[in-house]
Amino acid sequence: MPRVTPEDALGRVQNALGSLAQDVKLNFDAVDLSCSRENIVEVLTKLRDTDDLSCRFFSFLSGVDRTEFETGEGDDAATGELEVLIHVYSPDNVISVTVHVPVPLDDPNCPTVTDVYAGAIWHERETWEMFGIAFKGHPNLVHLYLPEDFEGTPLRKSFRLPSRMTKSWPGAKDPEEAAAGGGR
C-alpha cells in the first residue's frame, strides 16, 4: 500500500470528522486538530474506525497546563485552561493525528476514552494524578505515583513546591574539625 501524503491525510481526517473537529491543520506532516471534550469519544472512534484512516494505534494521552499568571499574584490570577493531548497513529496508512481537548480550570474533567483505546487506562490515571483532570467513566482512577493522602497537582503551574528545611552547613571537612567548631 502506498504511503499517504500529509495533505491526503489532512483531507481524510477533515472528511471523516466534519464539524466535530476545529483547527484541523498539518503540523510537521502530522494532522493536528482540536475538539470539545463532549465530542472526544466520537472523534477518536471515527479516527479508529474510518477505513481510510484506521488510527488503531494509541500512542499517548497527557495533560498540558496552558494557564498564565500575573506576576506576583496568587492562584486567583490564573487565566487560561488545561488541555488533554492525545496522539493516535495508523500503521496501515502512516497517518499521525494529535488531538487537543481544552478543559476549563473550574471544571477539570473529560470523558474517558478507555472504551475506544484500552491503552489509555494508565495514561488517564497519570493525567488525573499529575494535572487534576478527572476522566468520567474511567474504570479505576487511582494513584500511580503519589501517596493517597498527597494534596495538589504537581504538574500544574499553580503547584507550589514545598520548601526544604534548611540547616546550617558547618563547612568542616572532617569530623574533628566540625567538633572543634571549625570551618565557619
N, C-alpha and C. Protein backbone atom coordinates (compact mmCIF):
# COMPACT_ATOMS: atom_id res chain seq x y z
N MET A 1 0.85 -1.18 0.00
CA MET A 1 0.00 0.00 0.00
C MET A 1 0.89 1.25 0.00
N PRO A 2 0.66 2.18 -0.92
CA PRO A 2 1.49 3.39 -0.96
C PRO A 2 1.24 4.28 0.25
N ARG A 3 2.29 4.98 0.64
CA ARG A 3 2.20 5.88 1.79
C ARG A 3 1.28 7.05 1.46
N VAL A 4 0.47 7.44 2.43
CA VAL A 4 -0.45 8.55 2.27
C VAL A 4 0.33 9.85 2.46
N THR A 5 0.12 10.81 1.57
CA THR A 5 0.80 12.10 1.73
C THR A 5 0.17 12.86 2.91
N PRO A 6 0.91 13.77 3.54
CA PRO A 6 0.34 14.55 4.63
C PRO A 6 -0.92 15.32 4.22
N GLU A 7 -0.93 15.85 3.01
CA GLU A 7 -2.09 16.59 2.53
C GLU A 7 -3.30 15.68 2.36
N ASP A 8 -3.06 14.46 1.87
CA ASP A 8 -4.14 13.48 1.73
C ASP A 8 -4.66 13.07 3.11
N ALA A 9 -3.76 12.88 4.06
CA ALA A 9 -4.16 12.53 5.44
C ALA A 9 -5.03 13.64 6.02
N LEU A 10 -4.63 14.89 5.80
CA LEU A 10 -5.40 16.03 6.29
C LEU A 10 -6.82 16.00 5.70
N GLY A 11 -6.93 15.78 4.39
CA GLY A 11 -8.24 15.71 3.74
C GLY A 11 -9.08 14.57 4.27
N ARG A 12 -8.47 13.41 4.51
CA ARG A 12 -9.21 12.27 5.03
C ARG A 12 -9.77 12.55 6.43
N VAL A 13 -8.94 13.18 7.27
CA VAL A 13 -9.38 13.50 8.63
C VAL A 13 -10.51 14.53 8.59
N GLN A 14 -10.36 15.55 7.76
CA GLN A 14 -11.41 16.57 7.64
C GLN A 14 -12.72 15.96 7.16
N ASN A 15 -12.65 15.07 6.17
CA ASN A 15 -13.86 14.41 5.66
C ASN A 15 -14.51 13.52 6.71
N ALA A 16 -13.70 12.79 7.46
CA ALA A 16 -14.25 11.86 8.46
C ALA A 16 -14.88 12.59 9.64
N LEU A 17 -14.28 13.70 10.05
CA LEU A 17 -14.73 14.36 11.28
C LEU A 17 -15.70 15.51 11.04
N GLY A 18 -15.64 16.14 9.89
CA GLY A 18 -16.53 17.26 9.61
C GLY A 18 -16.50 18.31 10.69
N SER A 19 -17.67 18.65 11.23
CA SER A 19 -17.77 19.72 12.22
C SER A 19 -17.42 19.26 13.64
N LEU A 20 -17.08 17.99 13.83
CA LEU A 20 -16.68 17.51 15.16
C LEU A 20 -15.34 18.08 15.60
N ALA A 21 -14.51 18.49 14.63
CA ALA A 21 -13.17 18.99 14.94
C ALA A 21 -13.00 20.41 14.43
N GLN A 22 -12.16 21.15 15.14
CA GLN A 22 -11.83 22.52 14.74
C GLN A 22 -10.31 22.62 14.54
N ASP A 23 -9.92 23.66 13.85
CA ASP A 23 -8.48 23.95 13.64
C ASP A 23 -7.72 22.74 13.10
N VAL A 24 -8.30 22.03 12.16
CA VAL A 24 -7.64 20.87 11.57
C VAL A 24 -6.57 21.38 10.62
N LYS A 25 -5.32 21.01 10.89
CA LYS A 25 -4.20 21.51 10.08
C LYS A 25 -3.05 20.52 10.13
N LEU A 26 -2.06 20.77 9.28
CA LEU A 26 -0.84 19.97 9.32
C LEU A 26 0.16 20.64 10.25
N ASN A 27 0.85 19.84 11.02
CA ASN A 27 1.89 20.32 11.91
C ASN A 27 3.05 19.34 11.78
N PHE A 28 4.08 19.74 11.04
CA PHE A 28 5.22 18.86 10.76
C PHE A 28 4.77 17.54 10.15
N ASP A 29 3.92 17.61 9.14
CA ASP A 29 3.40 16.47 8.39
C ASP A 29 2.47 15.55 9.19
N ALA A 30 2.08 15.95 10.39
CA ALA A 30 1.09 15.21 11.16
C ALA A 30 -0.17 16.06 11.24
N VAL A 31 -1.30 15.41 11.32
CA VAL A 31 -2.57 16.13 11.42
C VAL A 31 -2.77 16.56 12.87
N ASP A 32 -3.11 17.80 13.06
CA ASP A 32 -3.33 18.41 14.36
C ASP A 32 -4.75 18.94 14.38
N LEU A 33 -5.51 18.67 15.44
CA LEU A 33 -6.88 19.17 15.49
C LEU A 33 -7.30 19.39 16.94
N SER A 34 -8.36 20.16 17.09
CA SER A 34 -8.97 20.40 18.40
C SER A 34 -10.41 19.91 18.35
N CYS A 35 -10.89 19.46 19.50
CA CYS A 35 -12.31 19.12 19.60
C CYS A 35 -12.76 19.36 21.03
N SER A 36 -14.05 19.48 21.21
CA SER A 36 -14.59 19.69 22.56
C SER A 36 -14.53 18.38 23.32
N ARG A 37 -14.52 18.50 24.64
CA ARG A 37 -14.48 17.28 25.45
C ARG A 37 -15.74 16.44 25.27
N GLU A 38 -16.84 17.09 24.94
CA GLU A 38 -18.09 16.36 24.70
C GLU A 38 -18.00 15.47 23.46
N ASN A 39 -17.13 15.83 22.52
CA ASN A 39 -17.02 15.08 21.26
C ASN A 39 -15.82 14.13 21.21
N ILE A 40 -15.02 14.09 22.26
CA ILE A 40 -13.76 13.35 22.16
C ILE A 40 -13.94 11.86 21.87
N VAL A 41 -14.91 11.23 22.48
CA VAL A 41 -15.12 9.79 22.24
C VAL A 41 -15.52 9.55 20.79
N GLU A 42 -16.41 10.37 20.27
CA GLU A 42 -16.85 10.22 18.88
C GLU A 42 -15.71 10.50 17.90
N VAL A 43 -14.90 11.52 18.19
CA VAL A 43 -13.77 11.86 17.32
C VAL A 43 -12.78 10.70 17.26
N LEU A 44 -12.39 10.17 18.43
CA LEU A 44 -11.42 9.07 18.45
C LEU A 44 -11.99 7.80 17.82
N THR A 45 -13.28 7.56 18.01
CA THR A 45 -13.91 6.39 17.39
C THR A 45 -13.87 6.51 15.87
N LYS A 46 -14.16 7.69 15.34
CA LYS A 46 -14.11 7.90 13.88
C LYS A 46 -12.68 7.76 13.36
N LEU A 47 -11.71 8.29 14.10
CA LEU A 47 -10.31 8.16 13.67
C LEU A 47 -9.90 6.69 13.63
N ARG A 48 -10.37 5.92 14.57
CA ARG A 48 -10.02 4.50 14.62
C ARG A 48 -10.78 3.68 13.58
N ASP A 49 -12.10 3.94 13.42
CA ASP A 49 -12.95 3.05 12.64
C ASP A 49 -13.16 3.44 11.19
N THR A 50 -12.81 4.65 10.79
CA THR A 50 -12.96 5.05 9.39
C THR A 50 -11.90 4.30 8.58
N ASP A 51 -12.34 3.57 7.55
CA ASP A 51 -11.46 2.68 6.81
C ASP A 51 -10.23 3.36 6.22
N ASP A 52 -10.39 4.55 5.67
CA ASP A 52 -9.22 5.17 5.03
C ASP A 52 -8.34 5.93 6.03
N LEU A 53 -8.66 5.84 7.32
CA LEU A 53 -7.79 6.39 8.37
C LEU A 53 -7.17 5.25 9.19
N SER A 54 -8.00 4.45 9.84
CA SER A 54 -7.56 3.29 10.63
C SER A 54 -6.49 3.64 11.67
N CYS A 55 -6.74 4.69 12.45
CA CYS A 55 -5.79 5.07 13.51
C CYS A 55 -6.02 4.15 14.71
N ARG A 56 -5.54 2.92 14.59
CA ARG A 56 -5.77 1.90 15.60
C ARG A 56 -4.72 1.90 16.71
N PHE A 57 -3.61 2.58 16.48
CA PHE A 57 -2.53 2.57 17.46
C PHE A 57 -2.62 3.80 18.36
N PHE A 58 -2.82 3.59 19.64
CA PHE A 58 -2.86 4.67 20.63
C PHE A 58 -1.44 4.91 21.12
N SER A 59 -0.92 6.13 20.92
CA SER A 59 0.45 6.44 21.36
C SER A 59 0.50 6.95 22.78
N PHE A 60 -0.24 8.04 23.04
CA PHE A 60 -0.22 8.60 24.39
C PHE A 60 -1.38 9.53 24.63
N LEU A 61 -1.61 9.80 25.91
CA LEU A 61 -2.55 10.80 26.37
C LEU A 61 -1.88 11.47 27.55
N SER A 62 -1.92 12.78 27.58
CA SER A 62 -1.35 13.51 28.70
C SER A 62 -2.06 14.84 28.88
N GLY A 63 -1.63 15.60 29.84
CA GLY A 63 -2.20 16.91 30.08
C GLY A 63 -1.21 18.00 29.77
N VAL A 64 -1.73 19.19 29.54
CA VAL A 64 -0.91 20.39 29.34
C VAL A 64 -1.57 21.50 30.14
N ASP A 65 -0.77 22.25 30.88
CA ASP A 65 -1.29 23.39 31.63
C ASP A 65 -1.03 24.64 30.80
N ARG A 66 -2.09 25.23 30.28
CA ARG A 66 -1.99 26.42 29.43
C ARG A 66 -2.34 27.69 30.21
N THR A 67 -2.25 27.63 31.53
CA THR A 67 -2.58 28.81 32.33
C THR A 67 -1.43 29.81 32.34
N GLU A 68 -1.79 31.05 32.59
CA GLU A 68 -0.80 32.11 32.75
C GLU A 68 -1.15 32.86 34.01
N PHE A 69 -0.14 33.41 34.67
CA PHE A 69 -0.33 34.12 35.93
C PHE A 69 0.20 35.53 35.82
N GLU A 70 -0.48 36.42 36.52
CA GLU A 70 0.03 37.78 36.65
C GLU A 70 1.20 37.72 37.62
N THR A 71 2.27 38.44 37.35
CA THR A 71 3.45 38.44 38.19
C THR A 71 3.10 38.90 39.60
N GLY A 72 3.53 38.11 40.58
CA GLY A 72 3.33 38.47 41.97
C GLY A 72 1.95 38.15 42.52
N GLU A 73 1.09 37.59 41.71
CA GLU A 73 -0.27 37.29 42.16
C GLU A 73 -0.36 35.82 42.57
N GLY A 74 -1.41 35.47 43.26
CA GLY A 74 -1.65 34.10 43.70
C GLY A 74 -2.41 33.31 42.66
N ASP A 75 -2.96 32.18 43.09
CA ASP A 75 -3.69 31.29 42.18
C ASP A 75 -4.92 31.94 41.56
N ASP A 76 -5.49 32.95 42.24
CA ASP A 76 -6.70 33.59 41.73
C ASP A 76 -6.45 34.36 40.45
N ALA A 77 -5.19 34.68 40.15
CA ALA A 77 -4.86 35.47 38.97
C ALA A 77 -4.61 34.59 37.74
N ALA A 78 -4.86 33.30 37.84
CA ALA A 78 -4.62 32.40 36.73
C ALA A 78 -5.68 32.58 35.64
N THR A 79 -5.23 32.63 34.40
CA THR A 79 -6.14 32.65 33.26
C THR A 79 -5.68 31.57 32.29
N GLY A 80 -6.58 31.09 31.50
CA GLY A 80 -6.23 30.04 30.55
C GLY A 80 -7.01 28.78 30.84
N GLU A 81 -6.44 27.66 30.46
CA GLU A 81 -7.13 26.39 30.63
C GLU A 81 -6.14 25.25 30.66
N LEU A 82 -6.65 24.10 30.95
CA LEU A 82 -5.89 22.87 30.84
C LEU A 82 -6.22 22.25 29.48
N GLU A 83 -5.45 21.26 29.11
CA GLU A 83 -5.70 20.60 27.83
C GLU A 83 -5.34 19.13 27.96
N VAL A 84 -6.18 18.28 27.40
CA VAL A 84 -5.85 16.87 27.26
C VAL A 84 -5.29 16.72 25.85
N LEU A 85 -4.14 16.09 25.75
CA LEU A 85 -3.45 15.91 24.48
C LEU A 85 -3.38 14.42 24.19
N ILE A 86 -3.89 14.02 23.02
CA ILE A 86 -3.96 12.61 22.66
C ILE A 86 -3.31 12.42 21.29
N HIS A 87 -2.48 11.38 21.17
CA HIS A 87 -1.88 11.08 19.87
C HIS A 87 -2.24 9.66 19.47
N VAL A 88 -2.74 9.51 18.24
CA VAL A 88 -3.04 8.20 17.67
C VAL A 88 -2.36 8.09 16.31
N TYR A 89 -2.22 6.85 15.85
CA TYR A 89 -1.43 6.59 14.64
C TYR A 89 -2.06 5.46 13.84
N SER A 90 -1.92 5.55 12.53
CA SER A 90 -2.37 4.48 11.64
C SER A 90 -1.15 3.77 11.05
N PRO A 91 -0.86 2.55 11.50
CA PRO A 91 0.26 1.81 10.91
C PRO A 91 0.01 1.47 9.44
N ASP A 92 -1.26 1.25 9.06
CA ASP A 92 -1.58 0.89 7.68
C ASP A 92 -1.36 2.05 6.72
N ASN A 93 -1.78 3.25 7.13
CA ASN A 93 -1.73 4.41 6.25
C ASN A 93 -0.63 5.41 6.59
N VAL A 94 0.11 5.15 7.65
CA VAL A 94 1.17 6.04 8.13
C VAL A 94 0.62 7.45 8.32
N ILE A 95 -0.41 7.54 9.17
CA ILE A 95 -1.04 8.82 9.48
C ILE A 95 -0.93 9.04 10.99
N SER A 96 -0.37 10.19 11.37
CA SER A 96 -0.30 10.59 12.78
C SER A 96 -1.32 11.69 13.02
N VAL A 97 -2.07 11.55 14.10
CA VAL A 97 -3.08 12.56 14.44
C VAL A 97 -2.91 12.93 15.92
N THR A 98 -2.81 14.22 16.17
CA THR A 98 -2.76 14.73 17.54
C THR A 98 -4.04 15.50 17.80
N VAL A 99 -4.71 15.13 18.89
CA VAL A 99 -6.00 15.73 19.24
C VAL A 99 -5.81 16.57 20.51
N HIS A 100 -6.22 17.83 20.44
CA HIS A 100 -6.16 18.75 21.57
C HIS A 100 -7.58 18.93 22.10
N VAL A 101 -7.75 18.71 23.42
CA VAL A 101 -9.07 18.84 24.04
C VAL A 101 -8.99 19.87 25.16
N PRO A 102 -9.52 21.09 24.94
CA PRO A 102 -9.49 22.09 26.01
C PRO A 102 -10.36 21.68 27.20
N VAL A 103 -9.85 21.94 28.40
CA VAL A 103 -10.56 21.61 29.63
C VAL A 103 -10.52 22.85 30.53
N PRO A 104 -11.68 23.37 30.95
CA PRO A 104 -11.66 24.59 31.78
C PRO A 104 -11.07 24.33 33.17
N LEU A 105 -10.42 25.35 33.71
CA LEU A 105 -9.82 25.24 35.05
C LEU A 105 -10.86 25.00 36.13
N ASP A 106 -12.03 25.59 35.98
CA ASP A 106 -13.05 25.48 37.03
C ASP A 106 -13.87 24.19 36.96
N ASP A 107 -13.66 23.38 35.93
CA ASP A 107 -14.35 22.10 35.79
C ASP A 107 -13.42 21.12 35.08
N PRO A 108 -12.33 20.71 35.74
CA PRO A 108 -11.31 19.89 35.07
C PRO A 108 -11.71 18.42 34.94
N ASN A 109 -12.52 18.14 33.94
CA ASN A 109 -12.88 16.75 33.69
C ASN A 109 -13.08 16.53 32.20
N CYS A 110 -13.03 15.27 31.82
CA CYS A 110 -13.14 14.88 30.42
C CYS A 110 -13.69 13.45 30.41
N PRO A 111 -14.49 13.08 29.43
CA PRO A 111 -14.94 11.68 29.36
C PRO A 111 -13.75 10.75 29.13
N THR A 112 -13.81 9.56 29.69
CA THR A 112 -12.74 8.59 29.46
C THR A 112 -12.77 8.12 28.02
N VAL A 113 -11.61 7.78 27.49
CA VAL A 113 -11.54 7.22 26.13
C VAL A 113 -11.08 5.76 26.19
N THR A 114 -11.16 5.17 27.39
CA THR A 114 -10.68 3.79 27.56
C THR A 114 -11.54 2.77 26.83
N ASP A 115 -12.79 3.12 26.49
CA ASP A 115 -13.61 2.20 25.70
C ASP A 115 -13.20 2.21 24.23
N VAL A 116 -12.53 3.27 23.81
CA VAL A 116 -12.05 3.36 22.43
C VAL A 116 -10.64 2.78 22.34
N TYR A 117 -9.78 3.16 23.28
CA TYR A 117 -8.40 2.67 23.34
C TYR A 117 -8.11 2.21 24.76
N ALA A 118 -8.04 0.90 24.96
CA ALA A 118 -7.78 0.37 26.29
C ALA A 118 -6.43 0.83 26.83
N GLY A 119 -5.51 1.13 25.95
CA GLY A 119 -4.19 1.61 26.37
C GLY A 119 -4.21 2.95 27.09
N ALA A 120 -5.34 3.63 27.05
CA ALA A 120 -5.45 4.94 27.70
C ALA A 120 -5.66 4.83 29.21
N ILE A 121 -5.91 3.64 29.72
CA ILE A 121 -6.20 3.48 31.15
C ILE A 121 -5.08 4.05 32.00
N TRP A 122 -3.87 3.65 31.77
CA TRP A 122 -2.73 4.12 32.56
C TRP A 122 -2.51 5.62 32.35
N HIS A 123 -2.59 6.07 31.10
CA HIS A 123 -2.34 7.48 30.77
C HIS A 123 -3.35 8.41 31.45
N GLU A 124 -4.62 8.00 31.49
CA GLU A 124 -5.63 8.82 32.15
C GLU A 124 -5.39 8.88 33.65
N ARG A 125 -4.95 7.78 34.24
CA ARG A 125 -4.64 7.79 35.67
C ARG A 125 -3.50 8.76 35.96
N GLU A 126 -2.48 8.73 35.16
CA GLU A 126 -1.34 9.64 35.35
C GLU A 126 -1.76 11.10 35.16
N THR A 127 -2.55 11.37 34.15
CA THR A 127 -3.00 12.74 33.88
C THR A 127 -3.90 13.24 35.01
N TRP A 128 -4.75 12.38 35.54
CA TRP A 128 -5.58 12.75 36.70
C TRP A 128 -4.71 13.07 37.91
N GLU A 129 -3.74 12.23 38.16
CA GLU A 129 -2.90 12.41 39.35
C GLU A 129 -2.00 13.64 39.25
N MET A 130 -1.44 13.90 38.09
CA MET A 130 -0.47 14.98 37.94
C MET A 130 -1.08 16.33 37.57
N PHE A 131 -2.21 16.31 36.83
CA PHE A 131 -2.84 17.56 36.39
C PHE A 131 -4.20 17.82 37.04
N GLY A 132 -4.77 16.83 37.68
CA GLY A 132 -6.07 17.00 38.32
C GLY A 132 -7.24 16.96 37.35
N ILE A 133 -7.05 16.39 36.16
CA ILE A 133 -8.14 16.26 35.19
C ILE A 133 -8.79 14.89 35.42
N ALA A 134 -10.04 14.90 35.88
CA ALA A 134 -10.75 13.65 36.13
C ALA A 134 -11.33 13.12 34.83
N PHE A 135 -11.32 11.81 34.67
CA PHE A 135 -11.86 11.18 33.48
C PHE A 135 -13.12 10.41 33.85
N LYS A 136 -14.25 11.00 33.50
CA LYS A 136 -15.55 10.41 33.85
C LYS A 136 -15.73 9.07 33.16
N GLY A 137 -16.07 8.06 33.97
CA GLY A 137 -16.28 6.72 33.44
C GLY A 137 -15.02 5.86 33.43
N HIS A 138 -13.91 6.38 33.92
CA HIS A 138 -12.67 5.60 33.96
C HIS A 138 -12.86 4.40 34.89
N PRO A 139 -12.40 3.20 34.51
CA PRO A 139 -12.66 2.01 35.31
C PRO A 139 -11.90 1.93 36.64
N ASN A 140 -10.80 2.68 36.79
CA ASN A 140 -10.00 2.53 38.01
C ASN A 140 -9.11 3.76 38.23
N LEU A 141 -9.70 4.88 38.52
CA LEU A 141 -8.96 6.12 38.66
C LEU A 141 -8.33 6.20 40.06
N VAL A 142 -7.15 5.60 40.20
CA VAL A 142 -6.43 5.59 41.48
C VAL A 142 -4.99 6.05 41.24
N HIS A 143 -4.31 6.39 42.33
CA HIS A 143 -2.96 6.92 42.25
C HIS A 143 -1.98 5.90 41.66
N LEU A 144 -1.03 6.42 40.90
CA LEU A 144 0.07 5.62 40.37
C LEU A 144 1.36 5.90 41.13
N TYR A 145 1.66 7.17 41.37
CA TYR A 145 2.95 7.57 41.91
C TYR A 145 2.88 8.13 43.33
N LEU A 146 1.89 8.93 43.59
CA LEU A 146 1.84 9.71 44.82
C LEU A 146 1.08 8.96 45.92
N PRO A 147 1.40 9.24 47.18
CA PRO A 147 0.63 8.61 48.25
C PRO A 147 -0.83 9.07 48.23
N GLU A 148 -1.70 8.24 48.77
CA GLU A 148 -3.14 8.53 48.75
C GLU A 148 -3.48 9.87 49.40
N ASP A 149 -2.71 10.26 50.43
CA ASP A 149 -3.03 11.49 51.15
C ASP A 149 -2.33 12.73 50.57
N PHE A 150 -1.68 12.59 49.42
CA PHE A 150 -0.98 13.72 48.80
C PHE A 150 -2.01 14.75 48.34
N GLU A 151 -1.70 16.01 48.61
CA GLU A 151 -2.60 17.09 48.18
C GLU A 151 -1.92 17.92 47.11
N GLY A 152 -2.62 18.16 46.03
CA GLY A 152 -2.09 19.00 44.97
C GLY A 152 -1.94 18.27 43.66
N THR A 153 -1.60 19.03 42.65
CA THR A 153 -1.40 18.50 41.30
C THR A 153 -0.02 18.96 40.82
N PRO A 154 0.99 18.11 40.95
CA PRO A 154 2.39 18.52 40.76
C PRO A 154 2.76 19.07 39.39
N LEU A 155 2.05 18.74 38.33
CA LEU A 155 2.44 19.24 37.01
C LEU A 155 1.65 20.48 36.57
N ARG A 156 0.83 21.01 37.45
CA ARG A 156 0.18 22.29 37.15
C ARG A 156 1.11 23.43 37.52
N LYS A 157 1.02 24.50 36.78
CA LYS A 157 1.86 25.67 37.06
C LYS A 157 1.56 26.28 38.42
N SER A 158 0.36 26.10 38.92
CA SER A 158 -0.03 26.68 40.21
C SER A 158 0.52 25.89 41.40
N PHE A 159 1.07 24.70 41.17
CA PHE A 159 1.58 23.88 42.27
C PHE A 159 2.84 24.51 42.84
N ARG A 160 2.82 24.72 44.14
CA ARG A 160 3.97 25.30 44.83
C ARG A 160 4.82 24.18 45.41
N LEU A 161 6.08 24.18 45.07
CA LEU A 161 6.98 23.19 45.63
C LEU A 161 7.14 23.44 47.12
N PRO A 162 7.11 22.39 47.91
CA PRO A 162 7.30 22.60 49.35
C PRO A 162 8.72 23.07 49.62
N SER A 163 8.87 23.96 50.58
CA SER A 163 10.21 24.44 50.90
C SER A 163 10.93 23.37 51.72
N ARG A 164 12.23 23.32 51.52
CA ARG A 164 13.04 22.37 52.26
C ARG A 164 13.46 22.99 53.57
N MET A 165 13.56 22.18 54.59
CA MET A 165 14.05 22.67 55.86
C MET A 165 15.54 22.96 55.70
N THR A 166 15.95 24.12 56.11
CA THR A 166 17.36 24.46 55.95
C THR A 166 18.10 24.24 57.25
N LYS A 167 19.32 23.88 57.11
CA LYS A 167 20.16 23.62 58.26
C LYS A 167 21.51 24.23 57.94
N SER A 168 22.13 24.84 58.90
CA SER A 168 23.41 25.50 58.63
C SER A 168 24.46 24.46 58.26
N TRP A 169 25.27 24.83 57.35
CA TRP A 169 26.34 23.95 56.90
C TRP A 169 27.59 24.31 57.68
N PRO A 170 28.17 23.34 58.39
CA PRO A 170 29.31 23.68 59.22
C PRO A 170 30.56 24.03 58.41
N GLY A 171 30.65 23.53 57.21
CA GLY A 171 31.81 23.84 56.38
C GLY A 171 33.04 23.04 56.73
N ALA A 172 32.97 22.21 57.72
CA ALA A 172 34.12 21.41 58.12
C ALA A 172 34.34 20.27 57.14
N LYS A 173 35.60 19.90 56.97
CA LYS A 173 35.93 18.83 56.03
C LYS A 173 36.02 17.48 56.71
N ASP A 174 36.24 17.47 58.01
CA ASP A 174 36.31 16.20 58.71
C ASP A 174 35.65 16.34 60.08
N PRO A 175 35.28 15.21 60.71
CA PRO A 175 34.55 15.27 61.98
C PRO A 175 35.28 16.02 63.10
N GLU A 176 36.63 15.88 63.18
CA GLU A 176 37.37 16.55 64.23
C GLU A 176 37.27 18.07 64.10
N GLU A 177 37.38 18.54 62.88
CA GLU A 177 37.29 19.98 62.63
C GLU A 177 35.90 20.48 62.97
N ALA A 178 34.85 19.72 62.63
CA ALA A 178 33.48 20.12 62.93
C ALA A 178 33.26 20.17 64.44
N ALA A 179 33.81 19.18 65.18
CA ALA A 179 33.65 19.15 66.64
C ALA A 179 34.33 20.34 67.30
N ALA A 180 35.39 20.83 66.69
CA ALA A 180 36.12 21.97 67.23
C ALA A 180 35.49 23.29 66.81
N GLY A 181 34.41 23.23 66.02
CA GLY A 181 33.74 24.44 65.57
C GLY A 181 34.41 25.09 64.39
N GLY A 182 35.23 24.36 63.69
CA GLY A 182 35.95 24.90 62.54
C GLY A 182 35.12 24.97 61.29
N GLY A 183 35.65 25.73 60.35
CA GLY A 183 35.03 25.84 59.04
C GLY A 183 33.92 26.84 58.94
N ARG A 184 33.69 27.63 59.96
CA ARG A 184 32.60 28.61 59.89
C ARG A 184 33.10 29.96 59.44
